[in-house]
Amino acid sequence: MIMQSLDDDQAVDPVSIPLAGKTSIADFMVVASGRSGRQVASMATKIAEKLKSDFGRSARVQGLPTADWVLIDCGDIIVHIFRPDVRVFYNLERMWGLDDAPAPAQATASAPPVIATPR
């Protein structure tokens, strides 16, 4: 459902990372980008709403006010939705051992990224 929702909302470079054997925090991590803070917030809100309506589960969502990096804790799945420059900075795919994953789309702005951690 999460990957389909991201695809429907035209997320940039969505990646599903299996975490089994790497950590006990979740079974999967999903990482994707939105083209703007508004798109990031919209995609995150939609996933949280679908999780509630389709599965009766509440997700914890952090980072919506700035929408540079929104974290959605769905229990067994952790979803990170970034603005492109913030995703490039943190590069979670590489951190979790996906060296063969496609590189996230590079930010086009020349200014350094504004980094805000989820709360």
C-alpha atoms as a PDB file:
ATOM      1  CA  MET A   1       0.000   0.000   0.000  1.00  0.00           C
ATOM      2  CA  ILE A   2       2.812   2.410   0.885  1.00  0.00           C
ATOM      3  CA  MET A   3       4.752   1.906  -2.344  1.00  0.00           C
ATOM      4  CA  GLN A   4       1.533   2.185  -4.381  1.00  0.00           C
ATOM      5  CA  SER A   5       0.571   5.414  -2.609  1.00  0.00           C
ATOM      6  CA  LEU A   6       4.017   6.894  -3.266  1.00  0.00           C
ATOM      7  CA  ASP A   7       3.791   5.830  -6.909  1.00  0.00           C
ATOM      8  CA  ASP A   8       0.301   7.347  -7.233  1.00  0.00           C
ATOM      9  CA  ASP A   9       1.620  10.624  -5.800  1.00  0.00           C
ATOM     10  CA  GLN A  10       4.624  10.658  -8.162  1.00  0.00           C
ATOM     11  CA  ALA A  11       7.279  10.248  -5.466  1.00  0.00           C
ATOM     12  CA  VAL A  12      10.850  10.464  -6.723  1.00  0.00           C
ATOM     13  CA  ASP A  13      13.003   7.323  -6.467  1.00  0.00           C
ATOM     14  CA  PRO A  14      10.999   5.315  -3.892  1.00  0.00           C
ATOM     15  CA  VAL A  15      13.077   2.481  -2.428  1.00  0.00           C
ATOM     16  CA  SER A  16      12.026  -0.345  -0.090  1.00  0.00           C
ATOM     17  CA  ILE A  17      14.832  -1.596   2.153  1.00  0.00           C
ATOM     18  CA  PRO A  18      14.480  -4.955   3.950  1.00  0.00           C
ATOM     19  CA  LEU A  19      15.733  -4.629   7.525  1.00  0.00           C
ATOM     20  CA  ALA A  20      15.430  -8.258   8.637  1.00  0.00           C
ATOM     21  CA  GLY A  21      18.677  -9.301  10.291  1.00  0.00           C
ATOM     22  CA  LYS A  22      19.938  -5.697  10.425  1.00  0.00           C
ATOM     23  CA  THR A  23      17.782  -4.233  13.192  1.00  0.00           C
ATOM     24  CA  SER A  24      14.746  -4.990  15.305  1.00  0.00           C
ATOM     25  CA  ILE A  25      13.133  -1.552  14.875  1.00  0.00           C
ATOM     26  CA  ALA A  26      11.171  -2.577  11.778  1.00  0.00           C
ATOM     27  CA  ASP A  27      10.937  -5.162   9.019  1.00  0.00           C
ATOM     28  CA  PHE A  28      11.187  -2.648   6.170  1.00  0.00           C
ATOM     29  CA  MET A  29      12.218   0.945   5.595  1.00  0.00           C
ATOM     30  CA  VAL A  30      10.848   2.949   2.696  1.00  0.00           C
ATOM     31  CA  VAL A  31      12.731   6.005   1.456  1.00  0.00           C
ATOM     32  CA  ALA A  32      11.365   8.428  -1.133  1.00  0.00           C
ATOM     33  CA  SER A  33      11.550  12.065  -2.166  1.00  0.00           C
ATOM     34  CA  GLY A  34       9.014  14.707  -3.020  1.00  0.00           C
ATOM     35  CA  ARG A  35       9.760  17.635  -5.291  1.00  0.00           C
ATOM     36  CA  SER A  36       8.773  20.191  -2.644  1.00  0.00           C
ATOM     37  CA  GLY A  37       7.913  20.442   1.019  1.00  0.00           C
ATOM     38  CA  ARG A  38       4.245  20.629   0.088  1.00  0.00           C
ATOM     39  CA  GLN A  39       4.424  17.361  -1.855  1.00  0.00           C
ATOM     40  CA  VAL A  40       6.391  15.682   0.972  1.00  0.00           C
ATOM     41  CA  ALA A  41       3.737  16.691   3.519  1.00  0.00           C
ATOM     42  CA  SER A  42       0.892  15.647   1.230  1.00  0.00           C
ATOM     43  CA  MET A  43       2.351  12.185   0.564  1.00  0.00           C
ATOM     44  CA  ALA A  44       3.017  11.607   4.271  1.00  0.00           C
ATOM     45  CA  THR A  45      -0.474  12.680   5.297  1.00  0.00           C
ATOM     46  CA  LYS A  46      -2.043  10.466   2.654  1.00  0.00           C
ATOM     47  CA  ILE A  47      -0.063   7.398   3.806  1.00  0.00           C
ATOM     48  CA  ALA A  48      -1.042   7.997   7.434  1.00  0.00           C
ATOM     49  CA  GLU A  49      -4.709   8.395   6.464  1.00  0.00           C
ATOM     50  CA  LYS A  50      -4.697   5.240   4.295  1.00  0.00           C
ATOM     51  CA  LEU A  51      -3.034   3.251   7.060  1.00  0.00           C
ATOM     52  CA  LYS A  52      -5.840   4.299   9.421  1.00  0.00           C
ATOM     53  CA  SER A  53      -8.714   3.757   6.962  1.00  0.00           C
ATOM     54  CA  ASP A  54      -7.461   0.537   5.311  1.00  0.00           C
ATOM     55  CA  PHE A  55      -5.860  -1.220   8.286  1.00  0.00           C
ATOM     56  CA  GLY A  56      -7.223   0.530  11.386  1.00  0.00           C
ATOM     57  CA  ARG A  57      -3.689   1.385  12.521  1.00  0.00           C
ATOM     58  CA  SER A  58      -2.514   4.811  13.594  1.00  0.00           C
ATOM     59  CA  ALA A  59       0.876   5.933  12.375  1.00  0.00           C
ATOM     60  CA  ARG A  60       3.129   8.317  14.223  1.00  0.00           C
ATOM     61  CA  VAL A  61       4.162  11.144  11.911  1.00  0.00           C
ATOM     62  CA  GLN A  62       7.034  13.523  12.637  1.00  0.00           C
ATOM     63  CA  GLY A  63       8.393  16.448  10.673  1.00  0.00           C
ATOM     64  CA  LEU A  64       5.213  17.705   8.996  1.00  0.00           C
ATOM     65  CA  PRO A  65       5.578  21.383   9.983  1.00  0.00           C
ATOM     66  CA  THR A  66       8.774  21.891   7.961  1.00  0.00           C
ATOM     67  CA  ALA A  67       8.314  18.908   5.595  1.00  0.00           C
ATOM     68  CA  ASP A  68      12.030  18.705   4.771  1.00  0.00           C
ATOM     69  CA  TRP A  69      12.082  15.163   6.158  1.00  0.00           C
ATOM     70  CA  VAL A  70       8.916  13.444   7.321  1.00  0.00           C
ATOM     71  CA  LEU A  71       9.135  10.196   9.242  1.00  0.00           C
ATOM     72  CA  ILE A  72       6.129   7.885   9.401  1.00  0.00           C
ATOM     73  CA  ASP A  73       6.316   5.079  11.947  1.00  0.00           C
ATOM     74  CA  CYS A  74       3.883   2.438  10.735  1.00  0.00           C
ATOM     75  CA  GLY A  75       5.045  -0.186  13.214  1.00  0.00           C
ATOM     76  CA  ASP A  76       6.738  -2.834  11.087  1.00  0.00           C
ATOM     77  CA  ILE A  77       7.525  -0.299   8.363  1.00  0.00           C
ATOM     78  CA  ILE A  78       9.338   3.013   8.753  1.00  0.00           C
ATOM     79  CA  VAL A  79       8.790   5.546   5.961  1.00  0.00           C
ATOM     80  CA  HIS A  80      11.121   8.486   5.292  1.00  0.00           C
ATOM     81  CA  ILE A  81       9.989  11.100   2.782  1.00  0.00           C
ATOM     82  CA  PHE A  82      12.519  13.825   1.994  1.00  0.00           C
ATOM     83  CA  ARG A  83      12.979  16.903  -0.074  1.00  0.00           C
ATOM     84  CA  PRO A  84      15.684  15.901  -2.610  1.00  0.00           C
ATOM     85  CA  ASP A  85      18.575  17.914  -1.136  1.00  0.00           C
ATOM     86  CA  VAL A  86      17.923  16.589   2.369  1.00  0.00           C
ATOM     87  CA  ARG A  87      17.759  13.016   1.070  1.00  0.00           C
ATOM     88  CA  VAL A  88      21.098  13.396  -0.683  1.00  0.00           C
ATOM     89  CA  PHE A  89      22.640  14.786   2.507  1.00  0.00           C
ATOM     90  CA  TYR A  90      21.521  11.880   4.740  1.00  0.00           C
ATOM     91  CA  ASN A  91      21.743   9.112   2.095  1.00  0.00           C
ATOM     92  CA  LEU A  92      19.882   6.524   4.197  1.00  0.00           C
ATOM     93  CA  GLU A  93      20.050   3.952   1.410  1.00  0.00           C
ATOM     94  CA  ARG A  94      23.816   3.768   1.687  1.00  0.00           C
ATOM     95  CA  MET A  95      23.711   3.796   5.490  1.00  0.00           C
ATOM     96  CA  TRP A  96      21.503   0.708   5.453  1.00  0.00           C
ATOM     97  CA  GLY A  97      23.681  -1.149   2.965  1.00  0.00           C
ATOM     98  CA  LEU A  98      22.011  -0.494  -0.370  1.00  0.00           C
ATOM     99  CA  ASP A  99      25.108   0.486  -2.310  1.00  0.00           C
ATOM    100  CA  ASP A 100      23.467  -0.799  -5.487  1.00  0.00           C
ATOM    101  CA  ALA A 101      20.370   1.387  -5.006  1.00  0.00           C
ATOM    102  CA  PRO A 102      19.898   4.154  -7.555  1.00  0.00           C
ATOM    103  CA  ALA A 103      21.386   7.430  -6.355  1.00  0.00           C
ATOM    104  CA  PRO A 104      18.679   9.845  -5.240  1.00  0.00           C
ATOM    105  CA  ALA A 105      18.027  12.689  -7.650  1.00  0.00           C
ATOM    106  CA  GLN A 106      20.499  15.479  -6.935  1.00  0.00           C
ATOM    107  CA  ALA A 107      19.183  18.790  -5.689  1.00  0.00           C
ATOM    108  CA  THR A 108      19.443  21.580  -8.220  1.00  0.00           C
ATOM    109  CA  ALA A 109      19.723  24.487  -5.789  1.00  0.00           C
ATOM    110  CA  SER A 110      23.209  25.844  -5.174  1.00  0.00           C
ATOM    111  CA  ALA A 111      22.495  26.777  -1.550  1.00  0.00           C
ATOM    112  CA  PRO A 112      23.307  24.202   1.154  1.00  0.00           C
ATOM    113  CA  PRO A 113      20.372  22.096   2.311  1.00  0.00           C
ATOM    114  CA  VAL A 114      18.269  23.141   5.260  1.00  0.00           C
ATOM    115  CA  ILE A 115      18.424  20.192   7.606  1.00  0.00           C
ATOM    116  CA  ALA A 116      15.705  19.538  10.156  1.00  0.00           C
ATOM    117  CA  THR A 117      15.484  16.256  11.993  1.00  0.00           C
ATOM    118  CA  PRO A 118      12.074  14.722  12.600  1.00  0.00           C
ATOM    119  CA  ARG A 119      10.587  15.385  15.999  1.00  0.00           C
END
